[in-house]
Amino acid sequence: MANKLEKDFDAVASMREIRDRISKETEGMNFEEFQKYIEAKIPEKYQKMYQDSKQPK
């Protein structure tokens, strides 16, 4: 059997923590408020890509 490696980073636990934090921060927001929250969190260098993705094709 292979030796089990110790993890330096647990991706699943990290994702759960991030998801829980976002859920608490956005609890009670309507759709427009949530959109503004997301837009404020996107780094500036990705803003154009995000805006382009919202446009109908």
PDB file of N, CA and C in Angstrom:
ATOM      1  N   MET A   1       0.834  -1.188   0.000  1.00  0.00           N
ATOM      2  CA  MET A   1       0.000   0.000   0.000  1.00  0.00           C
ATOM      3  C   MET A   1       0.875   1.246   0.000  1.00  0.00           C
ATOM      4  N   ALA A   2       0.340   2.279  -0.558  1.00  0.00           N
ATOM      5  CA  ALA A   2       1.070   3.543  -0.624  1.00  0.00           C
ATOM      6  C   ALA A   2       1.025   4.246   0.726  1.00  0.00           C
ATOM      7  N   ASN A   3       2.075   4.981   0.999  1.00  0.00           N
ATOM      8  CA  ASN A   3       2.097   5.780   2.227  1.00  0.00           C
ATOM      9  C   ASN A   3       1.153   6.962   2.080  1.00  0.00           C
ATOM     10  N   LYS A   4       0.474   7.285   3.143  1.00  0.00           N
ATOM     11  CA  LYS A   4      -0.446   8.423   3.122  1.00  0.00           C
ATOM     12  C   LYS A   4       0.342   9.703   3.397  1.00  0.00           C
ATOM     13  N   LEU A   5       0.184  10.686   2.531  1.00  0.00           N
ATOM     14  CA  LEU A   5       0.882  11.953   2.689  1.00  0.00           C
ATOM     15  C   LEU A   5       0.080  12.892   3.576  1.00  0.00           C
ATOM     16  N   GLU A   6       0.800  13.691   4.341  1.00  0.00           N
ATOM     17  CA  GLU A   6       0.145  14.718   5.150  1.00  0.00           C
ATOM     18  C   GLU A   6      -0.175  15.903   4.260  1.00  0.00           C
ATOM     19  N   LYS A   7      -1.364  16.441   4.407  1.00  0.00           N
ATOM     20  CA  LYS A   7      -1.771  17.593   3.604  1.00  0.00           C
ATOM     21  C   LYS A   7      -1.315  18.878   4.274  1.00  0.00           C
ATOM     22  N   ASP A   8      -0.742  19.773   3.467  1.00  0.00           N
ATOM     23  CA  ASP A   8      -0.427  21.105   3.959  1.00  0.00           C
ATOM     24  C   ASP A   8      -1.647  22.009   3.812  1.00  0.00           C
ATOM     25  N   PHE A   9      -2.502  21.662   2.859  1.00  0.00           N
ATOM     26  CA  PHE A   9      -3.660  22.490   2.547  1.00  0.00           C
ATOM     27  C   PHE A   9      -4.840  21.579   2.253  1.00  0.00           C
ATOM     28  N   ASP A  10      -5.942  21.797   2.924  1.00  0.00           N
ATOM     29  CA  ASP A  10      -7.151  21.011   2.706  1.00  0.00           C
ATOM     30  C   ASP A  10      -8.123  21.852   1.887  1.00  0.00           C
ATOM     31  N   ALA A  11      -8.203  21.568   0.596  1.00  0.00           N
ATOM     32  CA  ALA A  11      -9.022  22.361  -0.321  1.00  0.00           C
ATOM     33  C   ALA A  11     -10.507  22.297   0.033  1.00  0.00           C
ATOM     34  N   VAL A  12     -10.984  21.140   0.428  1.00  0.00           N
ATOM     35  CA  VAL A  12     -12.406  20.987   0.749  1.00  0.00           C
ATOM     36  C   VAL A  12     -12.761  21.816   1.982  1.00  0.00           C
ATOM     37  N   ALA A  13     -11.945  21.731   3.015  1.00  0.00           N
ATOM     38  CA  ALA A  13     -12.207  22.511   4.232  1.00  0.00           C
ATOM     39  C   ALA A  13     -12.134  24.003   3.937  1.00  0.00           C
ATOM     40  N   SER A  14     -11.162  24.393   3.116  1.00  0.00           N
ATOM     41  CA  SER A  14     -11.017  25.806   2.759  1.00  0.00           C
ATOM     42  C   SER A  14     -12.240  26.303   1.997  1.00  0.00           C
ATOM     43  N   MET A  15     -12.713  25.520   1.042  1.00  0.00           N
ATOM     44  CA  MET A  15     -13.886  25.912   0.258  1.00  0.00           C
ATOM     45  C   MET A  15     -15.114  26.042   1.153  1.00  0.00           C
ATOM     46  N   ARG A  16     -15.265  25.136   2.092  1.00  0.00           N
ATOM     47  CA  ARG A  16     -16.407  25.203   3.013  1.00  0.00           C
ATOM     48  C   ARG A  16     -16.350  26.454   3.879  1.00  0.00           C
ATOM     49  N   GLU A  17     -15.149  26.802   4.358  1.00  0.00           N
ATOM     50  CA  GLU A  17     -14.990  28.013   5.168  1.00  0.00           C
ATOM     51  C   GLU A  17     -15.334  29.260   4.360  1.00  0.00           C
ATOM     52  N   ILE A  18     -14.854  29.313   3.116  1.00  0.00           N
ATOM     53  CA  ILE A  18     -15.132  30.459   2.239  1.00  0.00           C
ATOM     54  C   ILE A  18     -16.627  30.563   1.969  1.00  0.00           C
ATOM     55  N   ARG A  19     -17.251  29.435   1.639  1.00  0.00           N
ATOM     56  CA  ARG A  19     -18.692  29.414   1.350  1.00  0.00           C
ATOM     57  C   ARG A  19     -19.501  29.875   2.559  1.00  0.00           C
ATOM     58  N   ASP A  20     -19.122  29.400   3.744  1.00  0.00           N
ATOM     59  CA  ASP A  20     -19.839  29.793   4.961  1.00  0.00           C
ATOM     60  C   ASP A  20     -19.681  31.283   5.241  1.00  0.00           C
ATOM     61  N   ARG A  21     -18.477  31.826   5.029  1.00  0.00           N
ATOM     62  CA  ARG A  21     -18.234  33.256   5.259  1.00  0.00           C
ATOM     63  C   ARG A  21     -19.065  34.100   4.294  1.00  0.00           C
ATOM     64  N   ILE A  22     -19.089  33.712   3.017  1.00  0.00           N
ATOM     65  CA  ILE A  22     -19.875  34.451   2.026  1.00  0.00           C
ATOM     66  C   ILE A  22     -21.362  34.372   2.367  1.00  0.00           C
ATOM     67  N   SER A  23     -21.818  33.213   2.788  1.00  0.00           N
ATOM     68  CA  SER A  23     -23.232  33.056   3.155  1.00  0.00           C
ATOM     69  C   SER A  23     -23.614  33.985   4.299  1.00  0.00           C
ATOM     70  N   LYS A  24     -22.737  34.097   5.298  1.00  0.00           N
ATOM     71  CA  LYS A  24     -23.020  34.985   6.431  1.00  0.00           C
ATOM     72  C   LYS A  24     -23.004  36.447   5.998  1.00  0.00           C
ATOM     73  N   GLU A  25     -22.041  36.815   5.138  1.00  0.00           N
ATOM     74  CA  GLU A  25     -21.919  38.206   4.699  1.00  0.00           C
ATOM     75  C   GLU A  25     -23.073  38.639   3.798  1.00  0.00           C
ATOM     76  N   THR A  26     -23.668  37.702   3.071  1.00  0.00           N
ATOM     77  CA  THR A  26     -24.703  38.055   2.100  1.00  0.00           C
ATOM     78  C   THR A  26     -26.112  37.675   2.551  1.00  0.00           C
ATOM     79  N   GLU A  27     -26.229  37.150   3.749  1.00  0.00           N
ATOM     80  CA  GLU A  27     -27.541  36.745   4.264  1.00  0.00           C
ATOM     81  C   GLU A  27     -28.505  37.930   4.261  1.00  0.00           C
ATOM     82  N   GLY A  28     -29.671  37.732   3.693  1.00  0.00           N
ATOM     83  CA  GLY A  28     -30.694  38.770   3.676  1.00  0.00           C
ATOM     84  C   GLY A  28     -30.587  39.751   2.519  1.00  0.00           C
ATOM     85  N   MET A  29     -29.553  39.612   1.681  1.00  0.00           N
ATOM     86  CA  MET A  29     -29.412  40.521   0.536  1.00  0.00           C
ATOM     87  C   MET A  29     -30.381  40.118  -0.564  1.00  0.00           C
ATOM     88  N   ASN A  30     -30.897  41.128  -1.278  1.00  0.00           N
ATOM     89  CA  ASN A  30     -31.683  40.809  -2.465  1.00  0.00           C
ATOM     90  C   ASN A  30     -30.709  40.598  -3.632  1.00  0.00           C
ATOM     91  N   PHE A  31     -31.240  40.263  -4.804  1.00  0.00           N
ATOM     92  CA  PHE A  31     -30.389  39.927  -5.943  1.00  0.00           C
ATOM     93  C   PHE A  31     -29.475  41.080  -6.341  1.00  0.00           C
ATOM     94  N   GLU A  32     -30.015  42.294  -6.388  1.00  0.00           N
ATOM     95  CA  GLU A  32     -29.211  43.451  -6.794  1.00  0.00           C
ATOM     96  C   GLU A  32     -28.087  43.717  -5.796  1.00  0.00           C
ATOM     97  N   GLU A  33     -28.379  43.605  -4.509  1.00  0.00           N
ATOM     98  CA  GLU A  33     -27.353  43.792  -3.476  1.00  0.00           C
ATOM     99  C   GLU A  33     -26.270  42.720  -3.590  1.00  0.00           C
ATOM    100  N   PHE A  34     -26.702  41.490  -3.864  1.00  0.00           N
ATOM    101  CA  PHE A  34     -25.745  40.392  -4.009  1.00  0.00           C
ATOM    102  C   PHE A  34     -24.843  40.622  -5.220  1.00  0.00           C
ATOM    103  N   GLN A  35     -25.415  41.086  -6.328  1.00  0.00           N
ATOM    104  CA  GLN A  35     -24.609  41.392  -7.515  1.00  0.00           C
ATOM    105  C   GLN A  35     -23.554  42.444  -7.197  1.00  0.00           C
ATOM    106  N   LYS A  36     -23.934  43.494  -6.489  1.00  0.00           N
ATOM    107  CA  LYS A  36     -22.984  44.547  -6.119  1.00  0.00           C
ATOM    108  C   LYS A  36     -21.896  43.998  -5.200  1.00  0.00           C
ATOM    109  N   TYR A  37     -22.276  43.112  -4.292  1.00  0.00           N
ATOM    110  CA  TYR A  37     -21.307  42.477  -3.394  1.00  0.00           C
ATOM    111  C   TYR A  37     -20.268  41.709  -4.215  1.00  0.00           C
ATOM    112  N   ILE A  38     -20.745  40.896  -5.162  1.00  0.00           N
ATOM    113  CA  ILE A  38     -19.839  40.098  -5.996  1.00  0.00           C
ATOM    114  C   ILE A  38     -18.944  41.009  -6.824  1.00  0.00           C
ATOM    115  N   GLU A  39     -19.528  42.026  -7.454  1.00  0.00           N
ATOM    116  CA  GLU A  39     -18.743  42.945  -8.280  1.00  0.00           C
ATOM    117  C   GLU A  39     -17.664  43.646  -7.460  1.00  0.00           C
ATOM    118  N   ALA A  40     -17.957  43.973  -6.221  1.00  0.00           N
ATOM    119  CA  ALA A  40     -16.976  44.640  -5.361  1.00  0.00           C
ATOM    120  C   ALA A  40     -15.831  43.704  -4.982  1.00  0.00           C
ATOM    121  N   LYS A  41     -16.077  42.407  -5.003  1.00  0.00           N
ATOM    122  CA  LYS A  41     -15.058  41.427  -4.619  1.00  0.00           C
ATOM    123  C   LYS A  41     -14.165  41.008  -5.787  1.00  0.00           C
ATOM    124  N   ILE A  42     -14.596  41.276  -7.022  1.00  0.00           N
ATOM    125  CA  ILE A  42     -13.812  40.874  -8.188  1.00  0.00           C
ATOM    126  C   ILE A  42     -12.640  41.840  -8.359  1.00  0.00           C
ATOM    127  N   PRO A  43     -11.414  41.313  -8.463  1.00  0.00           N
ATOM    128  CA  PRO A  43     -10.268  42.202  -8.681  1.00  0.00           C
ATOM    129  C   PRO A  43     -10.447  43.029  -9.954  1.00  0.00           C
ATOM    130  N   GLU A  44      -9.906  44.229  -9.943  1.00  0.00           N
ATOM    131  CA  GLU A  44     -10.085  45.165 -11.056  1.00  0.00           C
ATOM    132  C   GLU A  44      -9.673  44.564 -12.396  1.00  0.00           C
ATOM    133  N   LYS A  45      -8.607  43.767 -12.409  1.00  0.00           N
ATOM    134  CA  LYS A  45      -8.127  43.214 -13.678  1.00  0.00           C
ATOM    135  C   LYS A  45      -9.124  42.235 -14.308  1.00  0.00           C
ATOM    136  N   TYR A  46     -10.091  41.738 -13.537  1.00  0.00           N
ATOM    137  CA  TYR A  46     -11.094  40.819 -14.070  1.00  0.00           C
ATOM    138  C   TYR A  46     -12.451  41.475 -14.294  1.00  0.00           C
ATOM    139  N   GLN A  47     -12.590  42.758 -13.994  1.00  0.00           N
ATOM    140  CA  GLN A  47     -13.874  43.445 -14.113  1.00  0.00           C
ATOM    141  C   GLN A  47     -14.432  43.394 -15.536  1.00  0.00           C
ATOM    142  N   LYS A  48     -13.600  43.677 -16.543  1.00  0.00           N
ATOM    143  CA  LYS A  48     -14.084  43.680 -17.930  1.00  0.00           C
ATOM    144  C   LYS A  48     -14.577  42.290 -18.321  1.00  0.00           C
ATOM    145  N   MET A  49     -13.838  41.260 -17.950  1.00  0.00           N
ATOM    146  CA  MET A  49     -14.239  39.895 -18.269  1.00  0.00           C
ATOM    147  C   MET A  49     -15.597  39.585 -17.627  1.00  0.00           C
ATOM    148  N   TYR A  50     -15.799  40.032 -16.395  1.00  0.00           N
ATOM    149  CA  TYR A  50     -17.070  39.804 -15.703  1.00  0.00           C
ATOM    150  C   TYR A  50     -18.201  40.547 -16.406  1.00  0.00           C
ATOM    151  N   GLN A  51     -17.974  41.807 -16.755  1.00  0.00           N
ATOM    152  CA  GLN A  51     -19.006  42.598 -17.431  1.00  0.00           C
ATOM    153  C   GLN A  51     -19.360  41.975 -18.782  1.00  0.00           C
ATOM    154  N   ASP A  52     -18.348  41.515 -19.522  1.00  0.00           N
ATOM    155  CA  ASP A  52     -18.592  40.881 -20.820  1.00  0.00           C
ATOM    156  C   ASP A  52     -19.402  39.599 -20.666  1.00  0.00           C
ATOM    157  N   SER A  53     -19.195  38.875 -19.577  1.00  0.00           N
ATOM    158  CA  SER A  53     -19.910  37.612 -19.375  1.00  0.00           C
ATOM    159  C   SER A  53     -21.392  37.839 -19.082  1.00  0.00           C
ATOM    160  N   LYS A  54     -21.752  39.041 -18.632  1.00  0.00           N
ATOM    161  CA  LYS A  54     -23.148  39.351 -18.324  1.00  0.00           C
ATOM    162  C   LYS A  54     -23.936  39.772 -19.561  1.00  0.00           C
ATOM    163  N   GLN A  55     -23.237  40.077 -20.654  1.00  0.00           N
ATOM    164  CA  GLN A  55     -23.900  40.530 -21.875  1.00  0.00           C
ATOM    165  C   GLN A  55     -24.493  39.335 -22.619  1.00  0.00           C
ATOM    166  N   PRO A  56     -25.719  39.467 -23.117  1.00  0.00           N
ATOM    167  CA  PRO A  56     -26.302  38.374 -23.914  1.00  0.00           C
ATOM    168  C   PRO A  56     -25.517  38.188 -25.205  1.00  0.00           C
ATOM    169  N   LYS A  57     -25.430  36.957 -25.640  1.00  0.00           N
ATOM    170  CA  LYS A  57     -24.660  36.657 -26.866  1.00  0.00           C
ATOM    171  C   LYS A  57     -25.551  36.504 -28.054  1.00  0.00           C
TER     172      LYS A  57
END
